Amino acid sequence: MNVLVLMTIIANAVSAAVALMYTVRRLVRDDILLTDTERGSAIFGMVATAFAVLLAFVVFVAFESYNQAKRGAESEAVAMLSCFARPSSSFGQTGRAPG
């Protein structure tokens, strides 16, 4: 996906969130918004824990795929080295190019 498209999507989402927050702040009185903030702390704690667990899984999968790619690259390098590390006399006369 194009970076410009992604930045446009993010900018639209942020502007929609800001517009919604502005609308809520304009329509609802301040004493209603600030009466009991303790109820929301449990929800925020649960969301934060879920986000941390999800982030840990993402990091784990990223490192696992990195290690798998590293092992594949090492095996390819060893195979390529074994192809070119043979002495030229092991091919005999039929395997050599004329000249």
Protein backbone atom coordinates (compact mmCIF):
# COMPACT_ATOMS: atom_id res chain seq x y z
CA MET A 1 0.00 0.00 0.00
CA ASN A 2 1.16 3.48 -0.76
CA VAL A 3 2.54 5.51 2.17
CA LEU A 4 0.49 8.54 1.17
CA VAL A 5 -2.73 6.51 1.33
CA LEU A 6 -1.80 5.19 4.78
CA MET A 7 -1.01 8.67 6.05
CA THR A 8 -4.34 9.93 4.69
CA ILE A 9 -6.22 7.15 6.48
CA ILE A 10 -4.44 7.92 9.75
CA ALA A 11 -5.04 11.66 9.40
CA ASN A 12 -8.74 11.07 8.74
CA ALA A 13 -9.06 8.78 11.76
CA VAL A 14 -7.32 11.29 14.03
CA SER A 15 -9.43 14.19 12.77
CA ALA A 16 -12.62 12.16 13.28
CA ALA A 17 -11.56 11.32 16.87
CA VAL A 18 -10.77 14.98 17.59
CA ALA A 19 -14.10 16.10 16.12
CA LEU A 20 -15.98 13.52 18.20
CA MET A 21 -14.18 14.57 21.38
CA TYR A 22 -14.90 18.22 20.67
CA THR A 23 -18.58 17.43 20.10
CA VAL A 24 -18.85 15.45 23.34
CA ARG A 25 -17.13 18.21 25.31
CA ARG A 26 -19.53 20.79 23.87
CA LEU A 27 -22.73 18.80 24.45
CA VAL A 28 -22.04 17.29 27.90
CA ARG A 29 -21.57 19.37 31.03
CA ASP A 30 -18.21 19.24 32.83
CA ASP A 31 -19.67 18.09 36.15
CA ILE A 32 -21.09 14.96 34.45
CA LEU A 33 -17.80 14.12 32.78
CA LEU A 34 -15.77 14.42 35.97
CA THR A 35 -18.10 12.90 38.59
CA ASP A 36 -16.64 9.39 38.93
CA THR A 37 -13.36 8.60 37.22
CA GLU A 38 -12.70 5.45 39.27
CA ARG A 39 -15.06 3.27 37.23
CA GLY A 40 -13.13 3.82 34.05
CA SER A 41 -9.78 2.87 35.54
CA ALA A 42 -10.65 -0.84 35.55
CA ILE A 43 -11.53 -0.72 31.86
CA PHE A 44 -8.34 1.17 31.02
CA GLY A 45 -6.31 -1.37 33.00
CA MET A 46 -7.91 -4.25 31.12
CA VAL A 47 -7.36 -2.61 27.74
CA ALA A 48 -3.75 -1.81 28.60
CA THR A 49 -3.10 -5.41 29.67
CA ALA A 50 -4.68 -6.79 26.51
CA PHE A 51 -2.62 -4.40 24.40
CA ALA A 52 0.59 -5.40 26.20
CA VAL A 53 -0.11 -9.10 25.64
CA LEU A 54 -0.91 -8.50 21.97
CA LEU A 55 2.26 -6.46 21.55
CA ALA A 56 4.30 -9.22 23.18
CA PHE A 57 2.92 -11.77 20.71
CA VAL A 58 3.70 -9.49 17.78
CA VAL A 59 7.29 -9.05 18.97
CA PHE A 60 7.64 -12.81 19.51
CA VAL A 61 6.37 -13.60 16.01
CA ALA A 62 8.67 -10.97 14.49
CA PHE A 63 11.74 -12.42 16.19
CA GLU A 64 10.71 -15.96 15.25
CA SER A 65 10.38 -15.06 11.57
CA TYR A 66 13.70 -13.20 11.74
CA ASN A 67 15.42 -16.28 13.17
CA GLN A 68 13.82 -18.50 10.55
CA ALA A 69 14.98 -16.20 7.74
CA LYS A 70 18.48 -16.09 9.24
CA ARG A 71 18.65 -19.91 9.32
CA GLY A 72 17.47 -20.08 5.71
CA ALA A 73 20.07 -17.54 4.59
CA GLU A 74 22.81 -19.42 6.41
CA SER A 75 21.85 -22.72 4.77
CA GLU A 76 21.80 -21.05 1.35
CA ALA A 77 25.22 -19.53 1.97
CA VAL A 78 26.65 -22.89 3.00
CA ALA A 79 25.15 -24.55 -0.09
CA MET A 80 26.52 -21.85 -2.38
CA LEU A 81 29.93 -22.06 -0.76
CA SER A 82 30.00 -25.82 -1.20
CA CYS A 83 29.28 -25.38 -4.92
CA PHE A 84 32.26 -23.08 -5.45
CA ALA A 85 34.65 -24.58 -2.92
CA ARG A 86 35.28 -27.76 -4.95
CA PRO A 87 38.63 -27.93 -6.69
CA SER A 88 38.43 -27.70 -10.47
CA SER A 89 40.17 -31.05 -10.90
CA SER A 90 37.17 -32.89 -9.45
CA PHE A 91 35.12 -32.09 -12.55
CA GLY A 92 37.44 -33.88 -14.95
CA GLN A 93 37.91 -33.04 -18.60
CA THR A 94 34.21 -33.29 -19.53
CA GLY A 95 33.11 -30.70 -16.99
CA ARG A 96 35.59 -28.03 -18.05
CA ALA A 97 34.93 -25.33 -20.56
CA PRO A 98 37.12 -25.41 -23.67
CA GLY A 99 39.72 -22.80 -23.83
